Amino acid sequence: MTIPAVIQLQEYATDEKYDISILLRKALLVATKLKLSDFREWLSSELDGYNNSTLLPKYRVISSQLKAQNPYHGSYPVCY
């Protein structure tokens, strides 16, 4: 007897031994079978990268500041 894909997905999500990419691929399979187009699109973007910056979710955008390390004065921001 085979285990249904949704049950496998739940097992993967709750067990630390499974890599996130395996979980996302299994979720993509389930989303495709259930015809969940929005979820499928999000999963595909997470697996393959966001090609369209307008679809990039806020949690994928970070801000940073480039700094240099001076052995005498510590770190300082690099100005262009």
PDB file of N, CA and C in Angstrom:
ATOM      1  N   MET A   1       0.843  -1.180   0.000  1.00  0.00           N
ATOM      2  CA  MET A   1       0.000   0.000   0.000  1.00  0.00           C
ATOM      3  C   MET A   1       0.891   1.248   0.000  1.00  0.00           C
ATOM      4  N   THR A   2       0.613   2.158  -0.890  1.00  0.00           N
ATOM      5  CA  THR A   2       1.408   3.384  -0.974  1.00  0.00           C
ATOM      6  C   THR A   2       0.802   4.464  -0.084  1.00  0.00           C
ATOM      7  N   ILE A   3       1.678   5.315   0.414  1.00  0.00           N
ATOM      8  CA  ILE A   3       1.240   6.423   1.271  1.00  0.00           C
ATOM      9  C   ILE A   3       0.820   7.588   0.377  1.00  0.00           C
ATOM     10  N   PRO A   4      -0.364   8.176   0.593  1.00  0.00           N
ATOM     11  CA  PRO A   4      -0.800   9.320  -0.215  1.00  0.00           C
ATOM     12  C   PRO A   4       0.196  10.483  -0.133  1.00  0.00           C
ATOM     13  N   ALA A   5       0.298  11.247  -1.218  1.00  0.00           N
ATOM     14  CA  ALA A   5       1.267  12.340  -1.317  1.00  0.00           C
ATOM     15  C   ALA A   5       1.057  13.399  -0.245  1.00  0.00           C
ATOM     16  N   VAL A   6      -0.189  13.686   0.103  1.00  0.00           N
ATOM     17  CA  VAL A   6      -0.455  14.704   1.121  1.00  0.00           C
ATOM     18  C   VAL A   6       0.046  14.230   2.488  1.00  0.00           C
ATOM     19  N   ILE A   7      -0.123  12.960   2.777  1.00  0.00           N
ATOM     20  CA  ILE A   7       0.373  12.411   4.033  1.00  0.00           C
ATOM     21  C   ILE A   7       1.901  12.439   4.045  1.00  0.00           C
ATOM     22  N   GLN A   8       2.538  12.111   2.925  1.00  0.00           N
ATOM     23  CA  GLN A   8       3.999  12.192   2.821  1.00  0.00           C
ATOM     24  C   GLN A   8       4.468  13.629   3.039  1.00  0.00           C
ATOM     25  N   LEU A   9       3.752  14.572   2.458  1.00  0.00           N
ATOM     26  CA  LEU A   9       4.096  15.986   2.601  1.00  0.00           C
ATOM     27  C   LEU A   9       4.037  16.398   4.069  1.00  0.00           C
ATOM     28  N   GLN A  10       3.024  15.961   4.772  1.00  0.00           N
ATOM     29  CA  GLN A  10       2.915  16.267   6.194  1.00  0.00           C
ATOM     30  C   GLN A  10       4.086  15.655   6.966  1.00  0.00           C
ATOM     31  N   GLU A  11       4.461  14.447   6.608  1.00  0.00           N
ATOM     32  CA  GLU A  11       5.592  13.793   7.268  1.00  0.00           C
ATOM     33  C   GLU A  11       6.883  14.563   6.998  1.00  0.00           C
ATOM     34  N   TYR A  12       7.101  14.977   5.760  1.00  0.00           N
ATOM     35  CA  TYR A  12       8.306  15.721   5.401  1.00  0.00           C
ATOM     36  C   TYR A  12       8.367  17.057   6.144  1.00  0.00           C
ATOM     37  N   ALA A  13       7.219  17.692   6.309  1.00  0.00           N
ATOM     38  CA  ALA A  13       7.175  19.004   6.952  1.00  0.00           C
ATOM     39  C   ALA A  13       7.457  18.930   8.447  1.00  0.00           C
ATOM     40  N   THR A  14       7.195  17.787   9.047  1.00  0.00           N
ATOM     41  CA  THR A  14       7.369  17.667  10.494  1.00  0.00           C
ATOM     42  C   THR A  14       8.648  16.944  10.903  1.00  0.00           C
ATOM     43  N   ASP A  15       9.397  16.442   9.948  1.00  0.00           N
ATOM     44  CA  ASP A  15      10.608  15.684  10.260  1.00  0.00           C
ATOM     45  C   ASP A  15      11.843  16.464   9.814  1.00  0.00           C
ATOM     46  N   GLU A  16      12.755  16.699  10.733  1.00  0.00           N
ATOM     47  CA  GLU A  16      13.945  17.502  10.454  1.00  0.00           C
ATOM     48  C   GLU A  16      14.919  16.851   9.481  1.00  0.00           C
ATOM     49  N   LYS A  17      14.816  15.557   9.291  1.00  0.00           N
ATOM     50  CA  LYS A  17      15.796  14.878   8.432  1.00  0.00           C
ATOM     51  C   LYS A  17      15.589  15.170   6.949  1.00  0.00           C
ATOM     52  N   TYR A  18      14.430  15.720   6.581  1.00  0.00           N
ATOM     53  CA  TYR A  18      14.160  16.025   5.174  1.00  0.00           C
ATOM     54  C   TYR A  18      14.618  17.432   4.835  1.00  0.00           C
ATOM     55  N   ASP A  19      15.308  17.541   3.730  1.00  0.00           N
ATOM     56  CA  ASP A  19      15.777  18.830   3.238  1.00  0.00           C
ATOM     57  C   ASP A  19      14.589  19.646   2.727  1.00  0.00           C
ATOM     58  N   ILE A  20      14.694  20.959   2.839  1.00  0.00           N
ATOM     59  CA  ILE A  20      13.597  21.841   2.418  1.00  0.00           C
ATOM     60  C   ILE A  20      13.291  21.688   0.929  1.00  0.00           C
ATOM     61  N   SER A  21      14.289  21.417   0.113  1.00  0.00           N
ATOM     62  CA  SER A  21      14.044  21.256  -1.327  1.00  0.00           C
ATOM     63  C   SER A  21      13.179  20.024  -1.599  1.00  0.00           C
ATOM     64  N   ILE A  22      13.360  18.971  -0.816  1.00  0.00           N
ATOM     65  CA  ILE A  22      12.509  17.778  -0.963  1.00  0.00           C
ATOM     66  C   ILE A  22      11.074  18.123  -0.587  1.00  0.00           C
ATOM     67  N   LEU A  23      10.919  18.865   0.494  1.00  0.00           N
ATOM     68  CA  LEU A  23       9.587  19.290   0.925  1.00  0.00           C
ATOM     69  C   LEU A  23       8.912  20.147  -0.139  1.00  0.00           C
ATOM     70  N   LEU A  24       9.646  21.094  -0.709  1.00  0.00           N
ATOM     71  CA  LEU A  24       9.072  21.967  -1.733  1.00  0.00           C
ATOM     72  C   LEU A  24       8.700  21.191  -2.996  1.00  0.00           C
ATOM     73  N   ARG A  25       9.529  20.243  -3.392  1.00  0.00           N
ATOM     74  CA  ARG A  25       9.212  19.435  -4.580  1.00  0.00           C
ATOM     75  C   ARG A  25       7.971  18.571  -4.354  1.00  0.00           C
ATOM     76  N   LYS A  26       7.849  17.997  -3.168  1.00  0.00           N
ATOM     77  CA  LYS A  26       6.668  17.200  -2.842  1.00  0.00           C
ATOM     78  C   LYS A  26       5.429  18.103  -2.815  1.00  0.00           C
ATOM     79  N   ALA A  27       5.567  19.299  -2.261  1.00  0.00           N
ATOM     80  CA  ALA A  27       4.456  20.253  -2.231  1.00  0.00           C
ATOM     81  C   ALA A  27       4.065  20.671  -3.649  1.00  0.00           C
ATOM     82  N   LEU A  28       5.049  20.815  -4.529  1.00  0.00           N
ATOM     83  CA  LEU A  28       4.770  21.153  -5.925  1.00  0.00           C
ATOM     84  C   LEU A  28       3.965  20.042  -6.598  1.00  0.00           C
ATOM     85  N   LEU A  29       4.313  18.817  -6.313  1.00  0.00           N
ATOM     86  CA  LEU A  29       3.572  17.682  -6.844  1.00  0.00           C
ATOM     87  C   LEU A  29       2.123  17.714  -6.362  1.00  0.00           C
ATOM     88  N   VAL A  30       1.924  17.953  -5.085  1.00  0.00           N
ATOM     89  CA  VAL A  30       0.573  18.003  -4.515  1.00  0.00           C
ATOM     90  C   VAL A  30      -0.209  19.180  -5.091  1.00  0.00           C
ATOM     91  N   ALA A  31       0.428  20.348  -5.183  1.00  0.00           N
ATOM     92  CA  ALA A  31      -0.246  21.533  -5.723  1.00  0.00           C
ATOM     93  C   ALA A  31      -0.654  21.318  -7.178  1.00  0.00           C
ATOM     94  N   THR A  32       0.186  20.623  -7.941  1.00  0.00           N
ATOM     95  CA  THR A  32      -0.138  20.339  -9.338  1.00  0.00           C
ATOM     96  C   THR A  32      -1.322  19.391  -9.435  1.00  0.00           C
ATOM     97  N   LYS A  33      -1.309  18.339  -8.613  1.00  0.00           N
ATOM     98  CA  LYS A  33      -2.413  17.378  -8.644  1.00  0.00           C
ATOM     99  C   LYS A  33      -3.729  18.003  -8.205  1.00  0.00           C
ATOM    100  N   LEU A  34      -3.666  18.911  -7.230  1.00  0.00           N
ATOM    101  CA  LEU A  34      -4.882  19.553  -6.720  1.00  0.00           C
ATOM    102  C   LEU A  34      -5.268  20.807  -7.501  1.00  0.00           C
ATOM    103  N   LYS A  35      -4.471  21.136  -8.529  1.00  0.00           N
ATOM    104  CA  LYS A  35      -4.713  22.305  -9.394  1.00  0.00           C
ATOM    105  C   LYS A  35      -4.771  23.614  -8.598  1.00  0.00           C
ATOM    106  N   LEU A  36      -3.806  23.775  -7.694  1.00  0.00           N
ATOM    107  CA  LEU A  36      -3.672  24.996  -6.902  1.00  0.00           C
ATOM    108  C   LEU A  36      -2.644  25.891  -7.586  1.00  0.00           C
ATOM    109  N   SER A  37      -3.095  26.652  -8.568  1.00  0.00           N
ATOM    110  CA  SER A  37      -2.173  27.386  -9.444  1.00  0.00           C
ATOM    111  C   SER A  37      -1.334  28.437  -8.713  1.00  0.00           C
ATOM    112  N   ASP A  38      -1.915  29.193  -7.782  1.00  0.00           N
ATOM    113  CA  ASP A  38      -1.147  30.212  -7.061  1.00  0.00           C
ATOM    114  C   ASP A  38      -0.052  29.580  -6.208  1.00  0.00           C
ATOM    115  N   PHE A  39      -0.411  28.508  -5.518  1.00  0.00           N
ATOM    116  CA  PHE A  39       0.559  27.806  -4.680  1.00  0.00           C
ATOM    117  C   PHE A  39       1.639  27.174  -5.543  1.00  0.00           C
ATOM    118  N   ARG A  40       1.249  26.618  -6.672  1.00  0.00           N
ATOM    119  CA  ARG A  40       2.201  26.009  -7.608  1.00  0.00           C
ATOM    120  C   ARG A  40       3.185  27.056  -8.134  1.00  0.00           C
ATOM    121  N   GLU A  41       2.675  28.233  -8.469  1.00  0.00           N
ATOM    122  CA  GLU A  41       3.533  29.310  -8.970  1.00  0.00           C
ATOM    123  C   GLU A  41       4.541  29.746  -7.901  1.00  0.00           C
ATOM    124  N   TRP A  42       4.079  29.878  -6.662  1.00  0.00           N
ATOM    125  CA  TRP A  42       4.967  30.263  -5.571  1.00  0.00           C
ATOM    126  C   TRP A  42       6.035  29.198  -5.352  1.00  0.00           C
ATOM    127  N   LEU A  43       5.628  27.934  -5.336  1.00  0.00           N
ATOM    128  CA  LEU A  43       6.588  26.847  -5.143  1.00  0.00           C
ATOM    129  C   LEU A  43       7.625  26.807  -6.263  1.00  0.00           C
ATOM    130  N   SER A  44       7.185  26.987  -7.492  1.00  0.00           N
ATOM    131  CA  SER A  44       8.109  27.003  -8.628  1.00  0.00           C
ATOM    132  C   SER A  44       9.116  28.141  -8.493  1.00  0.00           C
ATOM    133  N   SER A  45       8.644  29.295  -8.055  1.00  0.00           N
ATOM    134  CA  SER A  45       9.536  30.439  -7.869  1.00  0.00           C
ATOM    135  C   SER A  45      10.533  30.183  -6.746  1.00  0.00           C
ATOM    136  N   GLU A  46      10.095  29.548  -5.678  1.00  0.00           N
ATOM    137  CA  GLU A  46      11.000  29.229  -4.576  1.00  0.00           C
ATOM    138  C   GLU A  46      12.072  28.234  -5.014  1.00  0.00           C
ATOM    139  N   LEU A  47      11.693  27.273  -5.840  1.00  0.00           N
ATOM    140  CA  LEU A  47      12.640  26.256  -6.294  1.00  0.00           C
ATOM    141  C   LEU A  47      13.564  26.758  -7.396  1.00  0.00           C
ATOM    142  N   ASP A  48      13.027  27.544  -8.336  1.00  0.00           N
ATOM    143  CA  ASP A  48      13.779  27.938  -9.524  1.00  0.00           C
ATOM    144  C   ASP A  48      14.296  29.365  -9.485  1.00  0.00           C
ATOM    145  N   GLY A  49      13.885  30.133  -8.487  1.00  0.00           N
ATOM    146  CA  GLY A  49      14.284  31.530  -8.401  1.00  0.00           C
ATOM    147  C   GLY A  49      13.208  32.447  -8.954  1.00  0.00           C
ATOM    148  N   TYR A  50      13.212  33.655  -8.481  1.00  0.00           N
ATOM    149  CA  TYR A  50      12.234  34.648  -8.910  1.00  0.00           C
ATOM    150  C   TYR A  50      12.794  35.404 -10.104  1.00  0.00           C
ATOM    151  N   ASN A  51      12.274  35.118 -11.296  1.00  0.00           N
ATOM    152  CA  ASN A  51      12.754  35.768 -12.512  1.00  0.00           C
ATOM    153  C   ASN A  51      12.151  37.149 -12.699  1.00  0.00           C
ATOM    154  N   ASN A  52      10.978  37.374 -12.139  1.00  0.00           N
ATOM    155  CA  ASN A  52      10.288  38.645 -12.289  1.00  0.00           C
ATOM    156  C   ASN A  52      10.339  39.364 -10.943  1.00  0.00           C
ATOM    157  N   SER A  53      11.026  40.496 -10.892  1.00  0.00           N
ATOM    158  CA  SER A  53      11.204  41.196  -9.613  1.00  0.00           C
ATOM    159  C   SER A  53       9.886  41.728  -9.062  1.00  0.00           C
ATOM    160  N   THR A  54       8.860  41.884  -9.876  1.00  0.00           N
ATOM    161  CA  THR A  54       7.574  42.363  -9.360  1.00  0.00           C
ATOM    162  C   THR A  54       6.879  41.291  -8.524  1.00  0.00           C
ATOM    163  N   LEU A  55       7.227  40.023  -8.734  1.00  0.00           N
ATOM    164  CA  LEU A  55       6.641  38.934  -7.956  1.00  0.00           C
ATOM    165  C   LEU A  55       7.469  38.587  -6.730  1.00  0.00           C
ATOM    166  N   LEU A  56       8.581  39.255  -6.543  1.00  0.00           N
ATOM    167  CA  LEU A  56       9.486  38.957  -5.440  1.00  0.00           C
ATOM    168  C   LEU A  56       8.810  39.316  -4.115  1.00  0.00           C
ATOM    169  N   PRO A  57       8.636  38.335  -3.222  1.00  0.00           N
ATOM    170  CA  PRO A  57       7.992  38.624  -1.939  1.00  0.00           C
ATOM    171  C   PRO A  57       8.889  39.459  -1.030  1.00  0.00           C
ATOM    172  N   LYS A  58       8.269  40.174  -0.109  1.00  0.00           N
ATOM    173  CA  LYS A  58       9.016  41.067   0.781  1.00  0.00           C
ATOM    174  C   LYS A  58      10.046  40.324   1.611  1.00  0.00           C
ATOM    175  N   TYR A  59       9.763  39.082   1.987  1.00  0.00           N
ATOM    176  CA  TYR A  59      10.709  38.350   2.822  1.00  0.00           C
ATOM    177  C   TYR A  59      11.960  37.938   2.056  1.00  0.00           C
ATOM    178  N   ARG A  60      11.994  38.121   0.734  1.00  0.00           N
ATOM    179  CA  ARG A  60      13.179  37.815  -0.065  1.00  0.00           C
ATOM    180  C   ARG A  60      14.034  39.053  -0.326  1.00  0.00           C
ATOM    181  N   VAL A  61      13.614  40.214   0.151  1.00  0.00           N
ATOM    182  CA  VAL A  61      14.356  41.463  -0.059  1.00  0.00           C
ATOM    183  C   VAL A  61      15.015  41.859   1.261  1.00  0.00           C
ATOM    184  N   ILE A  62      16.314  42.083   1.214  1.00  0.00           N
ATOM    185  CA  ILE A  62      17.030  42.521   2.408  1.00  0.00           C
ATOM    186  C   ILE A  62      17.795  43.803   2.087  1.00  0.00           C
ATOM    187  N   SER A  63      18.042  44.578   3.101  1.00  0.00           N
ATOM    188  CA  SER A  63      18.868  45.766   2.901  1.00  0.00           C
ATOM    189  C   SER A  63      20.187  45.534   3.619  1.00  0.00           C
ATOM    190  N   SER A  64      21.213  46.152   3.102  1.00  0.00           N
ATOM    191  CA  SER A  64      22.532  45.988   3.701  1.00  0.00           C
ATOM    192  C   SER A  64      23.380  47.217   3.428  1.00  0.00           C
ATOM    193  N   GLN A  65      24.492  47.287   4.078  1.00  0.00           N
ATOM    194  CA  GLN A  65      25.435  48.378   3.866  1.00  0.00           C
ATOM    195  C   GLN A  65      26.823  47.763   3.759  1.00  0.00           C
ATOM    196  N   LEU A  66      27.509  48.099   2.700  1.00  0.00           N
ATOM    197  CA  LEU A  66      28.861  47.602   2.485  1.00  0.00           C
ATOM    198  C   LEU A  66      29.820  48.361   3.398  1.00  0.00           C
ATOM    199  N   LYS A  67      30.619  47.586   4.152  1.00  0.00           N
ATOM    200  CA  LYS A  67      31.575  48.203   5.054  1.00  0.00           C
ATOM    201  C   LYS A  67      32.959  47.616   4.808  1.00  0.00           C
ATOM    202  N   ALA A  68      33.960  48.434   5.084  1.00  0.00           N
ATOM    203  CA  ALA A  68      35.352  47.995   4.988  1.00  0.00           C
ATOM    204  C   ALA A  68      35.925  47.925   6.400  1.00  0.00           C
ATOM    205  N   GLN A  69      36.910  47.065   6.557  1.00  0.00           N
ATOM    206  CA  GLN A  69      37.536  46.903   7.866  1.00  0.00           C
ATOM    207  C   GLN A  69      38.925  47.538   7.851  1.00  0.00           C
ATOM    208  N   ASN A  70      39.110  48.538   8.683  1.00  0.00           N
ATOM    209  CA  ASN A  70      40.401  49.186   8.856  1.00  0.00           C
ATOM    210  C   ASN A  70      41.003  48.661  10.154  1.00  0.00           C
ATOM    211  N   PRO A  71      42.214  48.131  10.110  1.00  0.00           N
ATOM    212  CA  PRO A  71      42.789  47.549  11.329  1.00  0.00           C
ATOM    213  C   PRO A  71      43.013  48.571  12.457  1.00  0.00           C
ATOM    214  N   TYR A  72      43.095  49.858  12.128  1.00  0.00           N
ATOM    215  CA  TYR A  72      43.334  50.875  13.143  1.00  0.00           C
ATOM    216  C   TYR A  72      42.063  51.585  13.603  1.00  0.00           C
ATOM    217  N   HIS A  73      41.070  51.699  12.690  1.00  0.00           N
ATOM    218  CA  HIS A  73      39.865  52.478  13.014  1.00  0.00           C
ATOM    219  C   HIS A  73      38.593  51.625  13.023  1.00  0.00           C
ATOM    220  N   GLY A  74      38.695  50.345  12.779  1.00  0.00           N
ATOM    221  CA  GLY A  74      37.509  49.495  12.786  1.00  0.00           C
ATOM    222  C   GLY A  74      36.774  49.535  11.454  1.00  0.00           C
ATOM    223  N   SER A  75      35.520  49.142  11.475  1.00  0.00           N
ATOM    224  CA  SER A  75      34.747  49.127  10.230  1.00  0.00           C
ATOM    225  C   SER A  75      34.143  50.487   9.949  1.00  0.00           C
ATOM    226  N   TYR A  76      33.986  50.780   8.661  1.00  0.00           N
ATOM    227  CA  TYR A  76      33.387  52.047   8.240  1.00  0.00           C
ATOM    228  C   TYR A  76      32.652  51.805   6.930  1.00  0.00           C
ATOM    229  N   PRO A  77      31.584  52.574   6.682  1.00  0.00           N
ATOM    230  CA  PRO A  77      30.813  52.395   5.454  1.00  0.00           C
ATOM    231  C   PRO A  77      31.630  52.785   4.221  1.00  0.00           C
ATOM    232  N   VAL A  78      31.461  52.014   3.159  1.00  0.00           N
ATOM    233  CA  VAL A  78      32.133  52.318   1.893  1.00  0.00           C
ATOM    234  C   VAL A  78      31.234  53.261   1.108  1.00  0.00           C
ATOM    235  N   CYS A  79      31.757  54.415   0.736  1.00  0.00           N
ATOM    236  CA  CYS A  79      30.975  55.395  -0.040  1.00  0.00           C
ATOM    237  C   CYS A  79      31.368  55.288  -1.501  1.00  0.00           C
ATOM    238  N   TYR A  80      30.434  55.477  -2.353  1.00  0.00           N
ATOM    239  CA  TYR A  80      30.695  55.424  -3.800  1.00  0.00           C
ATOM    240  C   TYR A  80      30.963  56.805  -4.322  1.00  0.00           C
TER     241      TYR A  80
END
